[in-house]
Amino acid sequence: MIHTGTKDIIDGIRGDSTARRRAILILTNDSDLRTKTYSYVKNHSGSQTEAETVYNDMIVTFIKIVHTKPSFSLDRPLHAYLMGITKNLWYNEIRKRSRSKTSDIEKLAEQRDENITAIELLIKGDRASILNKVLSQMKIKCKEVLMYWSSGYKMQEIANILGYKTDGVARKKKSECMKELLTYLADKPHIKQQLSIK
């Protein structure tokens, strides 16, 4: 069932210019959503200015989704969906930085509650580029799941971003992808050695 407020915003975005402006104002003036977005970005190595940029980009992205997908609707709280967009936008920004600088991703990895595993170690130093090449050979969802996971995202966050029903489904997918990754590396010992996986 679509939440009433959410339906009004979606209908407003699809409406005339007056309705659209009203819907956009609701989003841009949502202090609770703004606080959540800013806190997330700043807690993941971002600045106040970057948080503001992500917030605006998130709203623009949402508007584009509503406009380009006539059948789009939400059966969950709007904030949860918009925070998924926020995390996706910031993750992409961190990935861009990682091409020349890996310290931000390392900070994300250090925030994880789980024990450090081989895949998390891969994103550090020169091995990041090797890992990216390896993951590019895998199915797209596997690449996304493992990159989000190794960058410090929790399973519930990954589920929200990638559209899995529960964190359990995302966890199962991650496990399957890890097996696929290790199977791939087993057939390519020279790459496995470069990544220093035991």
Protein backbone atom coordinates (compact mmCIF):
# COMPACT_ATOMS: atom_id res chain seq x y z
CA MET A 1 0.00 0.00 0.00
CA ILE A 2 1.34 3.43 -0.91
CA HIS A 3 1.67 5.85 1.99
CA THR A 4 -0.69 8.82 1.57
CA GLY A 5 2.01 11.50 1.78
CA THR A 6 4.19 9.58 -0.64
CA LYS A 7 1.36 9.22 -3.16
CA ASP A 8 0.67 12.95 -2.97
CA ILE A 9 4.32 13.74 -3.72
CA ILE A 10 4.48 11.28 -6.62
CA ASP A 11 1.20 12.61 -8.06
CA GLY A 12 2.48 16.15 -7.60
CA ILE A 13 5.69 15.44 -9.52
CA ARG A 14 3.59 14.03 -12.35
CA GLY A 15 1.14 16.90 -12.22
CA ASP A 16 1.19 20.42 -13.65
CA SER A 17 3.95 22.92 -12.92
CA THR A 18 2.25 24.22 -9.76
CA ALA A 19 1.76 20.75 -8.32
CA ARG A 20 5.31 19.80 -9.25
CA ARG A 21 6.79 22.85 -7.53
CA ARG A 22 4.75 22.08 -4.42
CA ALA A 23 5.99 18.47 -4.36
CA ILE A 24 9.61 19.54 -4.85
CA LEU A 25 9.30 22.11 -2.07
CA ILE A 26 8.05 19.40 0.28
CA LEU A 27 11.16 17.35 -0.45
CA THR A 28 13.65 20.22 -0.30
CA ASN A 29 12.16 21.52 2.96
CA ASP A 30 12.01 18.11 4.66
CA SER A 31 14.32 18.82 7.61
CA ASP A 32 14.24 15.23 8.87
CA LEU A 33 15.28 13.83 5.49
CA ARG A 34 17.93 16.51 5.12
CA THR A 35 19.37 15.67 8.54
CA LYS A 36 19.51 11.95 7.73
CA THR A 37 21.19 12.60 4.39
CA TYR A 38 23.74 15.05 5.75
CA SER A 39 24.56 12.77 8.68
CA TYR A 40 25.08 9.79 6.40
CA VAL A 41 27.42 11.58 3.99
CA LYS A 42 29.41 13.30 6.75
CA ASN A 43 29.71 10.05 8.70
CA HIS A 44 31.17 8.44 5.57
CA SER A 45 34.03 10.89 4.95
CA GLY A 46 31.96 13.59 3.25
CA SER A 47 31.88 17.34 3.86
CA GLN A 48 28.92 19.64 4.52
CA THR A 49 29.10 20.92 0.94
CA GLU A 50 29.21 17.37 -0.46
CA ALA A 51 26.26 16.40 1.72
CA GLU A 52 24.25 19.30 0.31
CA THR A 53 25.16 18.27 -3.24
CA VAL A 54 24.13 14.68 -2.60
CA TYR A 55 20.84 15.83 -1.07
CA ASN A 56 19.98 17.89 -4.14
CA ASP A 57 21.12 15.12 -6.51
CA MET A 58 18.99 12.62 -4.61
CA ILE A 59 15.87 14.74 -5.12
CA VAL A 60 16.67 15.22 -8.82
CA THR A 61 17.23 11.47 -9.21
CA PHE A 62 13.92 10.69 -7.53
CA ILE A 63 12.07 13.14 -9.77
CA LYS A 64 13.63 11.55 -12.86
CA ILE A 65 12.60 8.08 -11.67
CA VAL A 66 9.00 9.18 -11.11
CA HIS A 67 8.89 10.88 -14.52
CA THR A 68 10.50 8.11 -16.54
CA LYS A 69 8.64 5.21 -14.93
CA PRO A 70 4.86 5.74 -15.23
CA SER A 71 4.16 2.58 -13.20
CA PHE A 72 6.49 3.59 -10.36
CA SER A 73 5.00 3.43 -6.87
CA LEU A 74 6.26 2.76 -3.36
CA ASP A 75 5.06 0.19 -0.85
CA ARG A 76 7.52 1.34 1.81
CA PRO A 77 8.30 4.67 3.54
CA LEU A 78 9.54 7.37 1.20
CA HIS A 79 12.48 8.23 3.44
CA ALA A 80 13.80 4.67 3.26
CA TYR A 81 13.71 4.76 -0.53
CA LEU A 82 15.30 8.20 -0.76
CA MET A 83 18.07 7.19 1.64
CA GLY A 84 18.75 4.24 -0.64
CA ILE A 85 19.28 6.72 -3.48
CA THR A 86 21.50 8.83 -1.21
CA LYS A 87 23.71 5.88 -0.33
CA ASN A 88 23.95 4.85 -3.96
CA LEU A 89 24.99 8.36 -5.02
CA TRP A 90 27.61 8.63 -2.30
CA TYR A 91 28.92 5.13 -3.01
CA ASN A 92 29.43 6.09 -6.65
CA GLU A 93 31.29 9.22 -5.55
CA ILE A 94 33.56 7.15 -3.28
CA ARG A 95 34.22 4.76 -6.17
CA LYS A 96 35.31 7.66 -8.38
CA ARG A 97 37.75 8.77 -5.72
CA SER A 98 39.07 5.25 -5.28
CA ARG A 99 40.54 5.29 -8.76
CA SER A 100 43.24 7.64 -7.51
CA LYS A 101 42.79 7.47 -3.78
CA THR A 102 41.72 4.53 -1.61
CA SER A 103 41.75 6.11 1.86
CA ASP A 104 38.04 6.95 1.88
CA ILE A 105 37.04 3.39 1.01
CA GLU A 106 39.43 2.12 3.65
CA LYS A 107 37.64 4.24 6.24
CA LEU A 108 34.32 2.74 5.16
CA ALA A 109 35.73 -0.76 5.46
CA GLU A 110 37.05 -0.04 8.94
CA GLN A 111 33.54 0.87 10.12
CA ARG A 112 32.21 -2.64 9.54
CA ASP A 113 31.14 -4.68 12.56
CA GLU A 114 32.10 -8.00 10.98
CA ASN A 115 35.60 -9.48 11.00
CA ILE A 116 37.91 -8.35 8.20
CA THR A 117 37.89 -10.92 5.44
CA ALA A 118 39.88 -11.41 2.26
CA ILE A 119 37.48 -9.45 0.06
CA GLU A 120 37.71 -6.41 2.35
CA LEU A 121 41.50 -6.47 2.22
CA LEU A 122 41.42 -6.44 -1.56
CA ILE A 123 40.15 -2.89 -1.78
CA LYS A 124 43.29 -1.52 -0.17
CA GLY A 125 46.34 -0.23 -1.99
CA ASP A 126 47.21 -1.23 -5.52
CA ARG A 127 45.00 -4.31 -5.33
CA ALA A 128 41.87 -2.18 -5.74
CA SER A 129 42.37 -1.88 -9.50
CA ILE A 130 42.96 -5.64 -9.77
CA LEU A 131 39.80 -6.34 -7.81
CA ASN A 132 37.79 -4.04 -10.07
CA LYS A 133 39.02 -5.93 -13.12
CA VAL A 134 38.10 -9.26 -11.51
CA LEU A 135 34.62 -8.08 -10.52
CA SER A 136 34.03 -6.71 -14.01
CA GLN A 137 34.15 -10.31 -15.24
CA MET A 138 31.31 -11.32 -12.93
CA LYS A 139 27.57 -10.91 -13.24
CA ILE A 140 26.58 -7.30 -12.67
CA LYS A 141 24.64 -7.95 -9.46
CA CYS A 142 27.59 -9.82 -7.98
CA LYS A 143 29.88 -6.91 -8.72
CA GLU A 144 27.46 -4.48 -7.09
CA VAL A 145 26.85 -6.63 -4.02
CA LEU A 146 30.53 -7.29 -3.34
CA MET A 147 31.61 -3.70 -3.95
CA TYR A 148 28.94 -2.31 -1.64
CA TRP A 149 29.74 -4.93 0.99
CA SER A 150 33.50 -4.46 0.83
CA SER A 151 32.98 -0.69 1.08
CA GLY A 152 31.33 -1.02 4.47
CA TYR A 153 27.62 -1.08 3.66
CA LYS A 154 25.49 -3.23 5.91
CA MET A 155 23.31 -5.94 4.41
CA GLN A 156 20.07 -4.02 5.05
CA GLU A 157 21.51 -1.00 3.23
CA ILE A 158 22.55 -3.19 0.30
CA ALA A 159 19.07 -4.72 0.21
CA ASN A 160 17.52 -1.24 0.05
CA ILE A 161 19.86 0.02 -2.66
CA LEU A 162 19.69 -3.06 -4.91
CA GLY A 163 16.01 -3.82 -4.37
CA TYR A 164 16.23 -7.09 -2.40
CA LYS A 165 13.22 -7.85 -0.21
CA THR A 166 15.21 -8.42 2.99
CA ASP A 167 18.75 -8.24 4.29
CA GLY A 168 18.65 -12.05 4.41
CA VAL A 169 18.19 -12.19 0.65
CA ALA A 170 21.07 -9.75 0.20
CA ARG A 171 23.23 -11.85 2.54
CA LYS A 172 22.47 -15.00 0.56
CA LYS A 173 23.33 -13.20 -2.68
CA LYS A 174 26.61 -12.00 -1.19
CA SER A 175 27.47 -15.55 -0.14
CA GLU A 176 26.74 -16.86 -3.65
CA CYS A 177 28.83 -14.09 -5.18
CA MET A 178 31.74 -14.83 -2.85
CA LYS A 179 31.66 -18.45 -4.02
CA GLU A 180 31.60 -17.27 -7.63
CA LEU A 181 34.55 -14.96 -6.97
CA LEU A 182 36.60 -17.66 -5.29
CA THR A 183 35.76 -20.14 -8.06
CA TYR A 184 36.90 -17.58 -10.63
CA LEU A 185 40.16 -17.03 -8.77
CA ALA A 186 40.75 -20.75 -8.34
CA ASP A 187 40.98 -21.03 -12.13
CA LYS A 188 43.38 -18.08 -12.28
CA PRO A 189 46.10 -18.67 -9.65
CA HIS A 190 48.26 -15.82 -10.97
CA ILE A 191 45.50 -13.30 -10.20
CA LYS A 192 44.83 -14.94 -6.85
CA GLN A 193 48.50 -14.53 -6.01
CA GLN A 194 48.42 -10.87 -6.98
CA LEU A 195 45.50 -10.35 -4.62
CA SER A 196 47.28 -12.31 -1.87
CA ILE A 197 44.22 -14.41 -1.04
CA LYS A 198 45.07 -17.42 1.06
